[in-house]
PDB file of N, CA and C in Angstrom:
ATOM      1  N   MET A   1      -8.698  30.160  85.872  1.00  0.00           N
ATOM      2  CA  MET A   1     -10.036  29.509  85.781  1.00  0.00           C
ATOM      3  C   MET A   1     -10.534  29.573  84.332  1.00  0.00           C
ATOM      4  N   PRO A   2     -10.942  28.461  83.802  1.00  0.00           N
ATOM      5  CA  PRO A   2     -11.450  28.447  82.410  1.00  0.00           C
ATOM      6  C   PRO A   2     -12.707  29.305  82.291  1.00  0.00           C
ATOM      7  N   THR A   3     -12.877  29.896  81.114  1.00  0.00           N
ATOM      8  CA  THR A   3     -14.064  30.756  80.916  1.00  0.00           C
ATOM      9  C   THR A   3     -15.328  29.925  81.086  1.00  0.00           C
ATOM     10  N   ARG A   4     -15.243  28.656  80.746  1.00  0.00           N
ATOM     11  CA  ARG A   4     -16.451  27.822  80.819  1.00  0.00           C
ATOM     12  C   ARG A   4     -16.949  27.777  82.270  1.00  0.00           C
ATOM     13  N   ILE A   5     -16.057  27.529  83.192  1.00  0.00           N
ATOM     14  CA  ILE A   5     -16.469  27.467  84.605  1.00  0.00           C
ATOM     15  C   ILE A   5     -16.938  28.852  85.060  1.00  0.00           C
ATOM     16  N   CYS A   6     -16.217  29.879  84.628  1.00  0.00           N
ATOM     17  CA  CYS A   6     -16.582  31.257  85.028  1.00  0.00           C
ATOM     18  C   CYS A   6     -18.023  31.534  84.599  1.00  0.00           C
ATOM     19  N   ARG A   7     -18.333  31.174  83.372  1.00  0.00           N
ATOM     20  CA  ARG A   7     -19.683  31.450  82.849  1.00  0.00           C
ATOM     21  C   ARG A   7     -20.696  30.630  83.655  1.00  0.00           C
ATOM     22  N   TYR A   8     -20.366  29.377  83.939  1.00  0.00           N
ATOM     23  CA  TYR A   8     -21.284  28.515  84.683  1.00  0.00           C
ATOM     24  C   TYR A   8     -21.531  29.117  86.073  1.00  0.00           C
ATOM     25  N   ASN A   9     -20.445  29.539  86.714  1.00  0.00           N
ATOM     26  CA  ASN A   9     -20.580  30.133  88.058  1.00  0.00           C
ATOM     27  C   ASN A   9     -21.464  31.372  87.997  1.00  0.00           C
ATOM     28  N   LYS A  10     -21.260  32.165  86.967  1.00  0.00           N
ATOM     29  CA  LYS A  10     -22.052  33.408  86.847  1.00  0.00           C
ATOM     30  C   LYS A  10     -23.538  33.054  86.749  1.00  0.00           C
ATOM     31  N   LYS A  11     -23.837  32.032  85.948  1.00  0.00           N
ATOM     32  CA  LYS A  11     -25.244  31.653  85.762  1.00  0.00           C
ATOM     33  C   LYS A  11     -25.809  31.166  87.104  1.00  0.00           C
ATOM     34  N   MET A  12     -25.062  30.368  87.810  1.00  0.00           N
ATOM     35  CA  MET A  12     -25.536  29.836  89.088  1.00  0.00           C
ATOM     36  C   MET A  12     -25.751  30.989  90.070  1.00  0.00           C
ATOM     37  N   ASN A  13     -24.811  31.925  90.093  1.00  0.00           N
ATOM     38  CA  ASN A  13     -24.935  33.079  91.001  1.00  0.00           C
ATOM     39  C   ASN A  13     -26.215  33.847  90.683  1.00  0.00           C
ATOM     40  N   GLN A  14     -26.481  34.045  89.403  1.00  0.00           N
ATOM     41  CA  GLN A  14     -27.691  34.800  89.022  1.00  0.00           C
ATOM     42  C   GLN A  14     -28.932  34.069  89.514  1.00  0.00           C
ATOM     43  N   MET A  15     -28.926  32.744  89.365  1.00  0.00           N
ATOM     44  CA  MET A  15     -30.091  31.957  89.800  1.00  0.00           C
ATOM     45  C   MET A  15     -30.271  32.098  91.311  1.00  0.00           C
ATOM     46  N   VAL A  16     -29.173  32.010  92.032  1.00  0.00           N
ATOM     47  CA  VAL A  16     -29.239  32.114  93.500  1.00  0.00           C
ATOM     48  C   VAL A  16     -29.754  33.499  93.900  1.00  0.00           C
ATOM     49  N   ILE A  17     -29.222  34.518  93.253  1.00  0.00           N
ATOM     50  CA  ILE A  17     -29.643  35.890  93.581  1.00  0.00           C
ATOM     51  C   ILE A  17     -31.145  36.045  93.283  1.00  0.00           C
ATOM     52  N   GLN A  18     -31.565  35.520  92.130  1.00  0.00           N
ATOM     53  CA  GLN A  18     -32.994  35.655  91.763  1.00  0.00           C
ATOM     54  C   GLN A  18     -33.849  34.964  92.828  1.00  0.00           C
ATOM     55  N   ARG A  19     -33.403  33.798  93.270  1.00  0.00           N
ATOM     56  CA  ARG A  19     -34.174  33.046  94.262  1.00  0.00           C
ATOM     57  C   ARG A  19     -34.209  33.845  95.569  1.00  0.00           C
ATOM     58  N   PHE A  20     -33.051  34.422  95.906  1.00  0.00           N
ATOM     59  CA  PHE A  20     -32.962  35.194  97.149  1.00  0.00           C
ATOM     60  C   PHE A  20     -33.943  36.366  97.104  1.00  0.00           C
ATOM     61  N   HIS A  21     -33.982  37.031  95.949  1.00  0.00           N
ATOM     62  CA  HIS A  21     -34.876  38.191  95.806  1.00  0.00           C
ATOM     63  C   HIS A  21     -36.328  37.726  95.736  1.00  0.00           C
ATOM     64  N   GLY A  22     -36.530  36.546  95.161  1.00  0.00           N
ATOM     65  CA  GLY A  22     -37.884  36.016  95.040  1.00  0.00           C
ATOM     66  C   GLY A  22     -38.505  35.831  96.427  1.00  0.00           C
ATOM     67  N   LYS A  23     -37.661  35.486  97.402  1.00  0.00           N
ATOM     68  CA  LYS A  23     -38.176  35.280  98.756  1.00  0.00           C
ATOM     69  C   LYS A  23     -38.579  36.634  99.287  1.00  0.00           C
TER      70      LYS A  23
END
């Protein structure tokens, strides 16, 4: 997996987690 996708996935995961915790 290219680092670019890895980094993108990490950012998306963080956003999802933040949203989950925000609820």
